[in-house]
Amino acid sequence: IYRMGWYRQAPGKQRDMVAIITNGEETNYA
């Protein structure tokens, strides 16, 4: 698995990225 992550969607809003992690353990956060 190359990339794993989480998104979230509140009522009436678009789905936004929360956090991502690659298979190299690189992370990115909102």
PDB file of all heavy atoms in Angstrom:
ATOM      1  N   ILE A   1       0.858  -1.183   0.000  1.00  0.00           N
ATOM      2  CA  ILE A   1       0.000   0.000   0.000  1.00  0.00           C
ATOM      3  C   ILE A   1       0.890   1.227   0.000  1.00  0.00           C
ATOM      4  O   ILE A   1       1.663   1.437   0.929  1.00  0.00           O
ATOM      5  CB  ILE A   1      -0.931   0.010   1.219  1.00  0.00           C
ATOM      6  CG1 ILE A   1      -1.840  -1.219   1.196  1.00  0.00           C
ATOM      7  CG2 ILE A   1      -1.765   1.291   1.237  1.00  0.00           C
ATOM      8  CD1 ILE A   1      -2.692  -1.371   2.440  1.00  0.00           C
ATOM      9  N   TYR A   2       0.752   2.024  -1.027  1.00  0.00           N
ATOM     10  CA  TYR A   2       1.615   3.203  -1.132  1.00  0.00           C
ATOM     11  C   TYR A   2       1.214   4.277  -0.122  1.00  0.00           C
ATOM     12  O   TYR A   2       1.987   4.701   0.709  1.00  0.00           O
ATOM     13  CB  TYR A   2       1.578   3.760  -2.546  1.00  0.00           C
ATOM     14  CG  TYR A   2       2.223   5.136  -2.667  1.00  0.00           C
ATOM     15  CD1 TYR A   2       3.532   5.343  -2.264  1.00  0.00           C
ATOM     16  CD2 TYR A   2       1.510   6.218  -3.157  1.00  0.00           C
ATOM     17  CE1 TYR A   2       4.122   6.594  -2.346  1.00  0.00           C
ATOM     18  CE2 TYR A   2       2.088   7.465  -3.253  1.00  0.00           C
ATOM     19  CZ  TYR A   2       3.400   7.652  -2.846  1.00  0.00           C
ATOM     20  OH  TYR A   2       3.978   8.893  -2.921  1.00  0.00           O
ATOM     21  N   ARG A   3      -0.009   4.705  -0.185  1.00  0.00           N
ATOM     22  CA  ARG A   3      -0.436   5.819   0.647  1.00  0.00           C
ATOM     23  C   ARG A   3      -1.693   5.422   1.419  1.00  0.00           C
ATOM     24  O   ARG A   3      -2.589   4.784   0.873  1.00  0.00           O
ATOM     25  CB  ARG A   3      -0.693   7.053  -0.203  1.00  0.00           C
ATOM     26  CG  ARG A   3      -1.021   8.314   0.595  1.00  0.00           C
ATOM     27  CD  ARG A   3      -1.292   9.489  -0.339  1.00  0.00           C
ATOM     28  NE  ARG A   3      -0.084  10.042  -0.914  1.00  0.00           N
ATOM     29  CZ  ARG A   3       0.117  10.162  -2.231  1.00  0.00           C
ATOM     30  NH1 ARG A   3      -0.793   9.752  -3.073  1.00  0.00           N
ATOM     31  NH2 ARG A   3       1.241  10.700  -2.672  1.00  0.00           N
ATOM     32  N   MET A   4      -1.750   5.814   2.687  1.00  0.00           N
ATOM     33  CA  MET A   4      -2.923   5.595   3.530  1.00  0.00           C
ATOM     34  C   MET A   4      -3.260   6.918   4.187  1.00  0.00           C
ATOM     35  O   MET A   4      -2.365   7.738   4.443  1.00  0.00           O
ATOM     36  CB  MET A   4      -2.652   4.532   4.602  1.00  0.00           C
ATOM     37  CG  MET A   4      -2.027   3.252   4.081  1.00  0.00           C
ATOM     38  SD  MET A   4      -1.716   2.029   5.372  1.00  0.00           S
ATOM     39  CE  MET A   4      -3.346   1.301   5.538  1.00  0.00           C
ATOM     40  N   GLY A   5      -4.535   7.110   4.456  1.00  0.00           N
ATOM     41  CA  GLY A   5      -4.873   8.378   5.069  1.00  0.00           C
ATOM     42  C   GLY A   5      -6.300   8.491   5.533  1.00  0.00           C
ATOM     43  O   GLY A   5      -7.080   7.533   5.442  1.00  0.00           O
ATOM     44  N   TRP A   6      -6.609   9.676   6.018  1.00  0.00           N
ATOM     45  CA  TRP A   6      -7.932   9.985   6.541  1.00  0.00           C
ATOM     46  C   TRP A   6      -8.410  11.308   5.971  1.00  0.00           C
ATOM     47  O   TRP A   6      -7.635  12.279   5.900  1.00  0.00           O
ATOM     48  CB  TRP A   6      -7.900  10.076   8.069  1.00  0.00           C
ATOM     49  CG  TRP A   6      -7.578   8.792   8.739  1.00  0.00           C
ATOM     50  CD1 TRP A   6      -6.330   8.325   9.075  1.00  0.00           C
ATOM     51  CD2 TRP A   6      -8.503   7.781   9.144  1.00  0.00           C
ATOM     52  NE1 TRP A   6      -6.430   7.093   9.668  1.00  0.00           N
ATOM     53  CE2 TRP A   6      -7.750   6.738   9.729  1.00  0.00           C
ATOM     54  CE3 TRP A   6      -9.885   7.660   9.079  1.00  0.00           C
ATOM     55  CZ2 TRP A   6      -8.355   5.575  10.241  1.00  0.00           C
ATOM     56  CZ3 TRP A   6     -10.473   6.513   9.596  1.00  0.00           C
ATOM     57  CH2 TRP A   6      -9.712   5.489  10.163  1.00  0.00           C
ATOM     58  N   TYR A   7      -9.681  11.314   5.595  1.00  0.00           N
ATOM     59  CA  TYR A   7     -10.401  12.526   5.223  1.00  0.00           C
ATOM     60  C   TYR A   7     -11.592  12.647   6.159  1.00  0.00           C
ATOM     61  O   TYR A   7     -11.958  11.685   6.837  1.00  0.00           O
ATOM     62  CB  TYR A   7     -10.898  12.443   3.781  1.00  0.00           C
ATOM     63  CG  TYR A   7      -9.870  12.803   2.738  1.00  0.00           C
ATOM     64  CD1 TYR A   7      -8.699  12.064   2.575  1.00  0.00           C
ATOM     65  CD2 TYR A   7     -10.079  13.882   1.880  1.00  0.00           C
ATOM     66  CE1 TYR A   7      -7.764  12.402   1.610  1.00  0.00           C
ATOM     67  CE2 TYR A   7      -9.157  14.226   0.905  1.00  0.00           C
ATOM     68  CZ  TYR A   7      -8.000  13.485   0.770  1.00  0.00           C
ATOM     69  OH  TYR A   7      -7.077  13.824  -0.186  1.00  0.00           O
ATOM     70  N   ARG A   8     -12.196  13.809   6.170  1.00  0.00           N
ATOM     71  CA  ARG A   8     -13.414  13.974   6.969  1.00  0.00           C
ATOM     72  C   ARG A   8     -14.382  14.896   6.239  1.00  0.00           C
ATOM     73  O   ARG A   8     -13.982  15.750   5.447  1.00  0.00           O
ATOM     74  CB  ARG A   8     -13.113  14.520   8.358  1.00  0.00           C
ATOM     75  CG  ARG A   8     -12.580  15.948   8.405  1.00  0.00           C
ATOM     76  CD  ARG A   8     -12.186  16.309   9.837  1.00  0.00           C
ATOM     77  NE  ARG A   8     -11.660  17.672   9.935  1.00  0.00           N
ATOM     78  CZ  ARG A   8     -11.130  18.187  11.039  1.00  0.00           C
ATOM     79  NH1 ARG A   8     -11.045  17.456  12.152  1.00  0.00           N
ATOM     80  NH2 ARG A   8     -10.681  19.427  11.045  1.00  0.00           N
ATOM     81  N   GLN A   9     -15.657  14.696   6.563  1.00  0.00           N
ATOM     82  CA  GLN A   9     -16.704  15.495   5.936  1.00  0.00           C
ATOM     83  C   GLN A   9     -17.742  15.862   6.975  1.00  0.00           C
ATOM     84  O   GLN A   9     -18.399  14.981   7.548  1.00  0.00           O
ATOM     85  CB  GLN A   9     -17.344  14.724   4.781  1.00  0.00           C
ATOM     86  CG  GLN A   9     -18.328  15.541   3.970  1.00  0.00           C
ATOM     87  CD  GLN A   9     -18.701  14.853   2.673  1.00  0.00           C
ATOM     88  OE1 GLN A   9     -18.548  13.634   2.517  1.00  0.00           O
ATOM     89  NE2 GLN A   9     -19.185  15.624   1.714  1.00  0.00           N
ATOM     90  N   ALA A  10     -17.883  17.147   7.215  1.00  0.00           N
ATOM     91  CA  ALA A  10     -18.906  17.658   8.128  1.00  0.00           C
ATOM     92  C   ALA A  10     -20.182  17.918   7.332  1.00  0.00           C
ATOM     93  O   ALA A  10     -20.130  18.098   6.105  1.00  0.00           O
ATOM     94  CB  ALA A  10     -18.410  18.930   8.800  1.00  0.00           C
ATOM     95  N   PRO A  11     -21.332  17.963   7.992  1.00  0.00           N
ATOM     96  CA  PRO A  11     -22.600  18.188   7.283  1.00  0.00           C
ATOM     97  C   PRO A  11     -22.568  19.473   6.468  1.00  0.00           C
ATOM     98  O   PRO A  11     -22.180  20.541   6.975  1.00  0.00           O
ATOM     99  CB  PRO A  11     -23.617  18.277   8.422  1.00  0.00           C
ATOM    100  CG  PRO A  11     -23.026  17.476   9.515  1.00  0.00           C
ATOM    101  CD  PRO A  11     -21.543  17.711   9.422  1.00  0.00           C
ATOM    102  N   GLY A  12     -22.939  19.363   5.213  1.00  0.00           N
ATOM    103  CA  GLY A  12     -22.994  20.522   4.341  1.00  0.00           C
ATOM    104  C   GLY A  12     -21.662  21.015   3.827  1.00  0.00           C
ATOM    105  O   GLY A  12     -21.597  22.058   3.174  1.00  0.00           O
ATOM    106  N   LYS A  13     -20.603  20.265   4.119  1.00  0.00           N
ATOM    107  CA  LYS A  13     -19.263  20.694   3.689  1.00  0.00           C
ATOM    108  C   LYS A  13     -18.623  19.632   2.805  1.00  0.00           C
ATOM    109  O   LYS A  13     -19.072  18.492   2.744  1.00  0.00           O
ATOM    110  CB  LYS A  13     -18.383  20.980   4.905  1.00  0.00           C
ATOM    111  CG  LYS A  13     -18.872  22.143   5.755  1.00  0.00           C
ATOM    112  CD  LYS A  13     -17.873  22.506   6.816  1.00  0.00           C
ATOM    113  CE  LYS A  13     -18.330  23.718   7.611  1.00  0.00           C
ATOM    114  NZ  LYS A  13     -17.323  24.110   8.648  1.00  0.00           N
ATOM    115  N   GLN A  14     -17.543  20.012   2.136  1.00  0.00           N
ATOM    116  CA  GLN A  14     -16.838  19.076   1.282  1.00  0.00           C
ATOM    117  C   GLN A  14     -15.953  18.166   2.120  1.00  0.00           C
ATOM    118  O   GLN A  14     -15.678  18.438   3.276  1.00  0.00           O
ATOM    119  CB  GLN A  14     -15.981  19.829   0.271  1.00  0.00           C
ATOM    120  CG  GLN A  14     -14.828  20.614   0.882  1.00  0.00           C
ATOM    121  CD  GLN A  14     -14.021  21.365  -0.164  1.00  0.00           C
ATOM    122  OE1 GLN A  14     -14.485  21.645  -1.261  1.00  0.00           O
ATOM    123  NE2 GLN A  14     -12.787  21.705   0.169  1.00  0.00           N
ATOM    124  N   ARG A  15     -15.513  17.087   1.506  1.00  0.00           N
ATOM    125  CA  ARG A  15     -14.609  16.151   2.160  1.00  0.00           C
ATOM    126  C   ARG A  15     -13.192  16.705   2.095  1.00  0.00           C
ATOM    127  O   ARG A  15     -12.685  17.004   1.009  1.00  0.00           O
ATOM    128  CB  ARG A  15     -14.684  14.778   1.489  1.00  0.00           C
ATOM    129  CG  ARG A  15     -13.936  13.689   2.223  1.00  0.00           C
ATOM    130  CD  ARG A  15     -14.111  12.344   1.543  1.00  0.00           C
ATOM    131  NE  ARG A  15     -15.503  11.881   1.548  1.00  0.00           N
ATOM    132  CZ  ARG A  15     -15.876  10.674   1.155  1.00  0.00           C
ATOM    133  NH1 ARG A  15     -14.970   9.781   0.744  1.00  0.00           N
ATOM    134  NH2 ARG A  15     -17.156  10.338   1.167  1.00  0.00           N
ATOM    135  N   ASP A  16     -12.572  16.848   3.232  1.00  0.00           N
ATOM    136  CA  ASP A  16     -11.242  17.448   3.317  1.00  0.00           C
ATOM    137  C   ASP A  16     -10.220  16.466   3.876  1.00  0.00           C
ATOM    138  O   ASP A  16     -10.546  15.630   4.727  1.00  0.00           O
ATOM    139  CB  ASP A  16     -11.260  18.686   4.229  1.00  0.00           C
ATOM    140  CG  ASP A  16     -12.042  19.836   3.642  1.00  0.00           C
ATOM    141  OD1 ASP A  16     -12.013  20.008   2.412  1.00  0.00           O
ATOM    142  OD2 ASP A  16     -12.701  20.557   4.419  1.00  0.00           O
ATOM    143  N   MET A  17      -8.987  16.617   3.419  1.00  0.00           N
ATOM    144  CA  MET A  17      -7.902  15.796   3.921  1.00  0.00           C
ATOM    145  C   MET A  17      -7.605  16.125   5.377  1.00  0.00           C
ATOM    146  O   MET A  17      -7.566  17.309   5.754  1.00  0.00           O
ATOM    147  CB  MET A  17      -6.640  16.013   3.079  1.00  0.00           C
ATOM    148  CG  MET A  17      -5.480  15.087   3.397  1.00  0.00           C
ATOM    149  SD  MET A  17      -4.392  15.682   4.736  1.00  0.00           S
ATOM    150  CE  MET A  17      -3.619  17.088   3.937  1.00  0.00           C
ATOM    151  N   VAL A  18      -7.388  15.090   6.172  1.00  0.00           N
ATOM    152  CA  VAL A  18      -7.001  15.264   7.572  1.00  0.00           C
ATOM    153  C   VAL A  18      -5.524  14.917   7.750  1.00  0.00           C
ATOM    154  O   VAL A  18      -4.747  15.699   8.278  1.00  0.00           O
ATOM    155  CB  VAL A  18      -7.854  14.379   8.497  1.00  0.00           C
ATOM    156  CG1 VAL A  18      -7.372  14.500   9.946  1.00  0.00           C
ATOM    157  CG2 VAL A  18      -9.319  14.738   8.380  1.00  0.00           C
ATOM    158  N   ALA A  19      -5.142  13.722   7.301  1.00  0.00           N
ATOM    159  CA  ALA A  19      -3.758  13.275   7.459  1.00  0.00           C
ATOM    160  C   ALA A  19      -3.468  12.161   6.469  1.00  0.00           C
ATOM    161  O   ALA A  19      -4.358  11.371   6.136  1.00  0.00           O
ATOM    162  CB  ALA A  19      -3.504  12.778   8.881  1.00  0.00           C
ATOM    163  N   ILE A  20      -2.233  12.123   6.005  1.00  0.00           N
ATOM    164  CA  ILE A  20      -1.785  11.122   5.034  1.00  0.00           C
ATOM    165  C   ILE A  20      -0.429  10.599   5.472  1.00  0.00           C
ATOM    166  O   ILE A  20       0.384  11.348   6.010  1.00  0.00           O
ATOM    167  CB  ILE A  20      -1.677  11.728   3.618  1.00  0.00           C
ATOM    168  CG1 ILE A  20      -3.048  12.165   3.112  1.00  0.00           C
ATOM    169  CG2 ILE A  20      -1.061  10.723   2.656  1.00  0.00           C
ATOM    170  CD1 ILE A  20      -2.978  12.941   1.800  1.00  0.00           C
ATOM    171  N   ILE A  21      -0.193   9.314   5.210  1.00  0.00           N
ATOM    172  CA  ILE A  21       1.119   8.722   5.477  1.00  0.00           C
ATOM    173  C   ILE A  21       1.478   7.808   4.313  1.00  0.00           C
ATOM    174  O   ILE A  21       0.649   7.024   3.846  1.00  0.00           O
ATOM    175  CB  ILE A  21       1.117   7.958   6.824  1.00  0.00           C
ATOM    176  CG1 ILE A  21       2.519   7.440   7.147  1.00  0.00           C
ATOM    177  CG2 ILE A  21       0.090   6.828   6.842  1.00  0.00           C
ATOM    178  CD1 ILE A  21       2.653   6.944   8.590  1.00  0.00           C
ATOM    179  N   THR A  22       2.701   7.927   3.840  1.00  0.00           N
ATOM    180  CA  THR A  22       3.164   7.094   2.728  1.00  0.00           C
ATOM    181  C   THR A  22       3.845   5.839   3.259  1.00  0.00           C
ATOM    182  O   THR A  22       4.084   5.695   4.463  1.00  0.00           O
ATOM    183  CB  THR A  22       4.144   7.853   1.844  1.00  0.00           C
ATOM    184  OG1 THR A  22       5.374   8.040   2.583  1.00  0.00           O
ATOM    185  CG2 THR A  22       3.596   9.195   1.421  1.00  0.00           C
ATOM    186  N   ASN A  23       4.207   4.952   2.339  1.00  0.00           N
ATOM    187  CA  ASN A  23       4.913   3.743   2.772  1.00  0.00           C
ATOM    188  C   ASN A  23       6.332   4.052   3.221  1.00  0.00           C
ATOM    189  O   ASN A  23       6.994   3.201   3.804  1.00  0.00           O
ATOM    190  CB  ASN A  23       4.901   2.672   1.678  1.00  0.00           C
ATOM    191  CG  ASN A  23       5.499   3.159   0.388  1.00  0.00           C
ATOM    192  OD1 ASN A  23       5.889   4.317   0.274  1.00  0.00           O
ATOM    193  ND2 ASN A  23       5.544   2.302  -0.605  1.00  0.00           N
ATOM    194  N   GLY A  24       6.792   5.269   2.957  1.00  0.00           N
ATOM    195  CA  GLY A  24       8.072   5.714   3.478  1.00  0.00           C
ATOM    196  C   GLY A  24       7.938   6.472   4.779  1.00  0.00           C
ATOM    197  O   GLY A  24       8.892   7.107   5.245  1.00  0.00           O
ATOM    198  N   GLU A  25       6.749   6.415   5.374  1.00  0.00           N
ATOM    199  CA  GLU A  25       6.455   7.057   6.661  1.00  0.00           C
ATOM    200  C   GLU A  25       6.460   8.590   6.584  1.00  0.00           C
ATOM    201  O   GLU A  25       6.534   9.249   7.614  1.00  0.00           O
ATOM    202  CB  GLU A  25       7.418   6.596   7.769  1.00  0.00           C
ATOM    203  CG  GLU A  25       7.460   5.088   7.981  1.00  0.00           C
ATOM    204  CD  GLU A  25       6.212   4.551   8.660  1.00  0.00           C
ATOM    205  OE1 GLU A  25       5.558   5.322   9.386  1.00  0.00           O
ATOM    206  OE2 GLU A  25       5.878   3.372   8.459  1.00  0.00           O
ATOM    207  N   GLU A  26       6.358   9.121   5.389  1.00  0.00           N
ATOM    208  CA  GLU A  26       6.203  10.569   5.272  1.00  0.00           C
ATOM    209  C   GLU A  26       4.763  10.929   5.599  1.00  0.00           C
ATOM    210  O   GLU A  26       3.842  10.256   5.132  1.00  0.00           O
ATOM    211  CB  GLU A  26       6.559  11.028   3.866  1.00  0.00           C
ATOM    212  CG  GLU A  26       8.019  10.798   3.503  1.00  0.00           C
ATOM    213  CD  GLU A  26       8.311  11.152   2.049  1.00  0.00           C
ATOM    214  OE1 GLU A  26       7.352  11.250   1.263  1.00  0.00           O
ATOM    215  OE2 GLU A  26       9.489  11.325   1.727  1.00  0.00           O
ATOM    216  N   THR A  27       4.586  11.987   6.369  1.00  0.00           N
ATOM    217  CA  THR A  27       3.251  12.374   6.804  1.00  0.00           C
ATOM    218  C   THR A  27       2.914  13.793   6.367  1.00  0.00           C
ATOM    219  O   THR A  27       3.800  14.630   6.158  1.00  0.00           O
ATOM    220  CB  THR A  27       3.102  12.278   8.328  1.00  0.00           C
ATOM    221  OG1 THR A  27       4.075  13.132   8.953  1.00  0.00           O
ATOM    222  CG2 THR A  27       3.301  10.844   8.815  1.00  0.00           C
ATOM    223  N   ASN A  28       1.618  14.029   6.250  1.00  0.00           N
ATOM    224  CA  ASN A  28       1.124  15.356   5.915  1.00  0.00           C
ATOM    225  C   ASN A  28      -0.183  15.552   6.674  1.00  0.00           C
ATOM    226  O   ASN A  28      -1.030  14.637   6.695  1.00  0.00           O
ATOM    227  CB  ASN A  28       0.890  15.482   4.409  1.00  0.00           C
ATOM    228  CG  ASN A  28       0.540  16.902   4.014  1.00  0.00           C
ATOM    229  OD1 ASN A  28       0.957  17.856   4.661  1.00  0.00           O
ATOM    230  ND2 ASN A  28      -0.229  17.046   2.944  1.00  0.00           N
ATOM    231  N   TYR A  29      -0.332  16.713   7.295  1.00  0.00           N
ATOM    232  CA  TYR A  29      -1.511  16.992   8.107  1.00  0.00           C
ATOM    233  C   TYR A  29      -2.186  18.283   7.654  1.00  0.00           C
ATOM    234  O   TYR A  29      -1.523  19.225   7.208  1.00  0.00           O
ATOM    235  CB  TYR A  29      -1.135  17.164   9.587  1.00  0.00           C
ATOM    236  CG  TYR A  29      -0.604  15.927  10.261  1.00  0.00           C
ATOM    237  CD1 TYR A  29       0.762  15.669  10.284  1.00  0.00           C
ATOM    238  CD2 TYR A  29      -1.464  15.020  10.872  1.00  0.00           C
ATOM    239  CE1 TYR A  29       1.261  14.534  10.917  1.00  0.00           C
ATOM    240  CE2 TYR A  29      -0.977  13.889  11.506  1.00  0.00           C
ATOM    241  CZ  TYR A  29       0.386  13.654  11.522  1.00  0.00           C
ATOM    242  OH  TYR A  29       0.866  12.528  12.139  1.00  0.00           O
ATOM    243  N   ALA A  30      -3.487  18.324   7.821  1.00  0.00           N
ATOM    244  CA  ALA A  30      -4.202  19.586   7.665  1.00  0.00           C
ATOM    245  C   ALA A  30      -3.758  20.531   8.782  1.00  0.00           C
ATOM    246  O   ALA A  30      -3.495  20.098   9.911  1.00  0.00           O
ATOM    247  CB  ALA A  30      -5.709  19.350   7.747  1.00  0.00           C
TER     248      ALA A  30
END
